[in-house]
């Protein structure tokens, strides 16, 4: 069955659907359609397009906070004189997290938990790769769910950034018809 055949109100929104499928690709919409079907959600055009938009909002907000977090970690290493700008600029994010953990006894920043960084570095790196490669955030996999990834990011950020991140993620669903069982809830 084609994507078009599975959208309940296809005929009513045919022109708009065709426009967006041609712009964004049927295969990508198909992935969102399958996600909705897995969650037993009836696939209307509004729900399908809003789920796509919700995922993009999650992607953009995750990018914003991941960018900050990477810069923050590099700054901690620069502040202790551990590396030059050029050295850290060319280093992988996962390695930066490891270097921060190796030097935690030298870093004086009380607004941040090294314990959470240690617990969540793999999840944060996985989220970063998904974001960097423009993957569908809502598609978890057998290793990590989207809730696990975003919660790991939330608790590992410096405390002064956690509420901003939580708010940004929560607001991703505002004014969209996204099924409740798909919306990410940070605890």
Protein backbone atom coordinates (compact mmCIF):
# COMPACT_ATOMS: atom_id res chain seq x y z
CA UNK A 1 0.00 0.00 0.00
CA UNK A 2 1.38 3.44 -0.91
CA UNK A 3 1.69 6.35 1.50
CA UNK A 4 -1.12 8.13 -0.29
CA UNK A 5 -3.46 5.18 0.16
CA UNK A 6 -2.79 5.08 3.90
CA UNK A 7 -3.60 8.73 4.58
CA UNK A 8 -7.26 8.64 5.60
CA UNK A 9 -8.12 12.08 4.20
CA UNK A 10 -5.81 12.01 1.17
CA UNK A 11 -8.43 13.16 -1.33
CA UNK A 12 -9.35 16.16 0.82
CA UNK A 13 -5.69 17.33 1.02
CA UNK A 14 -4.36 15.85 -2.19
CA UNK A 15 -2.76 19.04 -3.55
CA UNK A 16 -0.93 19.87 -0.32
CA UNK A 17 0.13 16.26 0.24
CA UNK A 18 1.55 15.97 -3.26
CA UNK A 19 3.44 19.26 -2.82
CA UNK A 20 5.13 18.12 0.38
CA UNK A 21 5.77 14.55 -0.71
CA UNK A 22 7.50 15.91 -3.80
CA UNK A 23 9.54 18.41 -1.75
CA UNK A 24 10.50 16.18 1.18
CA UNK A 25 10.29 12.72 -0.33
CA UNK A 26 7.73 9.99 0.01
CA UNK A 27 10.16 7.70 1.81
CA UNK A 28 10.58 10.17 4.66
CA UNK A 29 6.83 10.61 5.03
CA UNK A 30 6.53 6.85 4.92
CA UNK A 31 8.82 6.59 7.96
CA UNK A 32 6.56 8.95 9.91
CA UNK A 33 3.48 7.09 8.69
CA UNK A 34 4.98 3.82 9.95
CA UNK A 35 5.80 5.44 13.29
CA UNK A 36 2.16 6.52 13.64
CA UNK A 37 0.90 3.07 12.66
CA UNK A 38 3.21 1.41 15.23
CA UNK A 39 1.62 3.64 17.87
CA UNK A 40 -1.89 2.73 16.60
CA UNK A 41 -2.63 6.30 15.53
CA UNK A 42 -5.06 6.86 12.63
CA UNK A 43 -3.07 8.57 9.87
CA UNK A 44 -4.68 11.82 8.81
CA UNK A 45 -2.74 14.42 6.86
CA UNK A 46 -2.75 16.86 9.77
CA UNK A 47 -1.32 14.31 12.19
CA UNK A 48 1.27 13.10 9.66
CA UNK A 49 2.54 16.56 8.69
CA UNK A 50 2.50 17.78 12.30
CA UNK A 51 4.42 14.73 13.49
CA UNK A 52 7.02 15.52 10.81
CA UNK A 53 7.12 19.17 12.00
CA UNK A 54 7.38 18.06 15.63
CA UNK A 55 10.36 15.90 14.80
CA UNK A 56 12.07 18.84 13.04
CA UNK A 57 11.50 21.04 16.07
CA UNK A 58 13.04 18.36 18.28
CA UNK A 59 15.99 18.17 15.89
CA UNK A 60 16.56 21.96 15.84
CA UNK A 61 16.27 22.35 19.61
CA UNK A 62 18.52 19.38 20.23
CA UNK A 63 21.07 20.90 17.85
CA UNK A 64 20.98 24.21 19.68
CA UNK A 65 21.63 22.63 23.08
CA UNK A 66 24.15 20.09 21.79
CA UNK A 67 26.10 22.96 20.21
CA UNK A 68 26.10 24.81 23.51
CA UNK A 69 27.07 21.68 25.43
CA UNK A 70 30.00 20.88 23.16
CA UNK A 71 31.24 24.45 23.45
CA UNK A 72 30.79 24.32 27.23
CA UNK A 73 32.87 21.14 27.55
CA UNK A 74 35.63 22.55 25.35
CA UNK A 75 35.63 25.72 27.46
CA UNK A 76 36.17 23.67 30.62
CA UNK A 77 39.31 22.19 29.09
CA UNK A 78 40.55 25.55 27.82
CA UNK A 79 39.92 27.08 31.26
CA UNK A 80 42.28 24.59 32.91
CA UNK A 81 44.89 25.09 30.20
CA UNK A 82 44.63 21.50 29.05
CA UNK A 83 44.55 22.14 25.31
CA UNK A 84 44.84 24.73 22.59
CA UNK A 85 41.86 25.95 20.63
CA UNK A 86 43.10 24.15 17.52
CA UNK A 87 43.57 20.84 19.36
CA UNK A 88 40.02 20.80 20.70
CA UNK A 89 38.54 22.23 17.54
CA UNK A 90 39.71 19.16 15.64
CA UNK A 91 38.83 16.60 18.29
CA UNK A 92 35.71 14.40 18.28
CA UNK A 93 32.92 15.21 20.69
CA UNK A 94 33.07 11.79 22.36
CA UNK A 95 36.79 12.30 22.98
CA UNK A 96 36.12 15.75 24.43
CA UNK A 97 33.66 14.22 26.91
CA UNK A 98 36.26 11.64 27.89
CA UNK A 99 38.96 14.28 28.34
CA UNK A 100 36.65 16.35 30.55
CA UNK A 101 36.01 13.28 32.71
CA UNK A 102 39.75 12.53 32.96
CA UNK A 103 40.34 16.10 34.14
CA UNK A 104 37.30 16.50 36.40
CA UNK A 105 39.51 16.93 39.47
CA UNK A 106 40.95 20.11 37.85
CA UNK A 107 37.65 21.58 36.65
CA UNK A 108 35.92 23.94 39.06
CA UNK A 109 32.34 24.23 37.85
CA UNK A 110 29.67 23.42 40.44
CA UNK A 111 26.66 23.80 38.11
CA UNK A 112 27.47 20.57 36.32
CA UNK A 113 27.46 16.84 37.17
CA UNK A 114 30.45 14.77 36.07
CA UNK A 115 28.54 11.72 37.28
CA UNK A 116 25.72 12.36 34.79
CA UNK A 117 28.26 12.99 32.03
CA UNK A 118 29.87 9.62 32.77
CA UNK A 119 26.47 7.87 32.81
CA UNK A 120 25.14 9.55 29.67
CA UNK A 121 28.09 10.22 27.37
CA UNK A 122 27.19 7.35 25.03
CA UNK A 123 23.56 8.49 24.75
CA UNK A 124 24.55 12.12 24.21
CA UNK A 125 27.05 11.14 21.53
CA UNK A 126 24.39 8.96 19.88
CA UNK A 127 21.92 11.88 19.94
CA UNK A 128 24.55 14.17 18.48
CA UNK A 129 25.18 11.78 15.59
CA UNK A 130 21.43 11.54 14.90
CA UNK A 131 21.11 15.32 14.92
CA UNK A 132 24.26 15.92 12.84
CA UNK A 133 23.05 13.50 10.16
CA UNK A 134 19.51 14.90 10.11
CA UNK A 135 17.99 11.59 11.22
CA UNK A 136 14.42 11.25 12.40
CA UNK A 137 14.66 11.94 16.14
CA UNK A 138 11.37 10.20 16.97
CA UNK A 139 12.68 6.93 15.60
CA UNK A 140 14.36 5.34 18.52
CA UNK A 141 16.12 2.09 17.99
CA UNK A 142 16.77 -1.06 19.94
CA UNK A 143 19.59 0.66 21.80
CA UNK A 144 17.99 3.96 22.95
CA UNK A 145 14.51 5.46 22.80
CA UNK A 146 14.01 9.13 21.99
CA UNK A 147 12.89 9.69 25.59
CA UNK A 148 16.12 8.15 26.90
CA UNK A 149 18.27 10.27 24.60
CA UNK A 150 16.61 13.58 25.38
CA UNK A 151 16.39 12.82 29.12
CA UNK A 152 20.12 12.02 29.15
CA UNK A 153 20.82 15.37 27.50
CA UNK A 154 18.53 17.17 29.92
CA UNK A 155 20.07 15.82 33.13
CA UNK A 156 23.64 16.20 31.88
CA UNK A 157 23.43 19.85 30.87
CA UNK A 158 24.62 22.40 33.42
CA UNK A 159 21.75 23.05 35.85
CA UNK A 160 21.39 26.62 34.59
CA UNK A 161 20.48 25.25 31.12
CA UNK A 162 18.24 22.35 32.09
CA UNK A 163 14.97 24.26 32.41
CA UNK A 164 15.58 26.05 29.10
CA UNK A 165 16.12 22.70 27.39
CA UNK A 166 13.06 21.16 29.02
CA UNK A 167 10.96 24.12 27.98
CA UNK A 168 12.30 24.05 24.41
CA UNK A 169 11.55 20.33 24.08
CA UNK A 170 8.09 20.70 25.64
CA UNK A 171 7.22 23.60 23.33
CA UNK A 172 8.06 21.54 20.24
CA UNK A 173 4.54 20.10 20.28
CA UNK A 174 2.72 23.41 20.77
CA UNK A 175 0.08 24.19 18.14
CA UNK A 176 0.60 20.83 16.45
CA UNK A 177 -1.63 17.78 16.22
CA UNK A 178 0.86 15.29 17.58
CA UNK A 179 -0.44 12.15 19.27
CA UNK A 180 0.17 12.19 23.00
CA UNK A 181 1.87 8.80 22.89
CA UNK A 182 4.58 10.25 20.62
CA UNK A 183 5.28 13.46 22.54
CA UNK A 184 8.50 13.39 24.56
CA UNK A 185 8.07 14.06 28.26
CA UNK A 186 11.22 14.96 30.14
CA UNK A 187 11.12 14.04 33.82
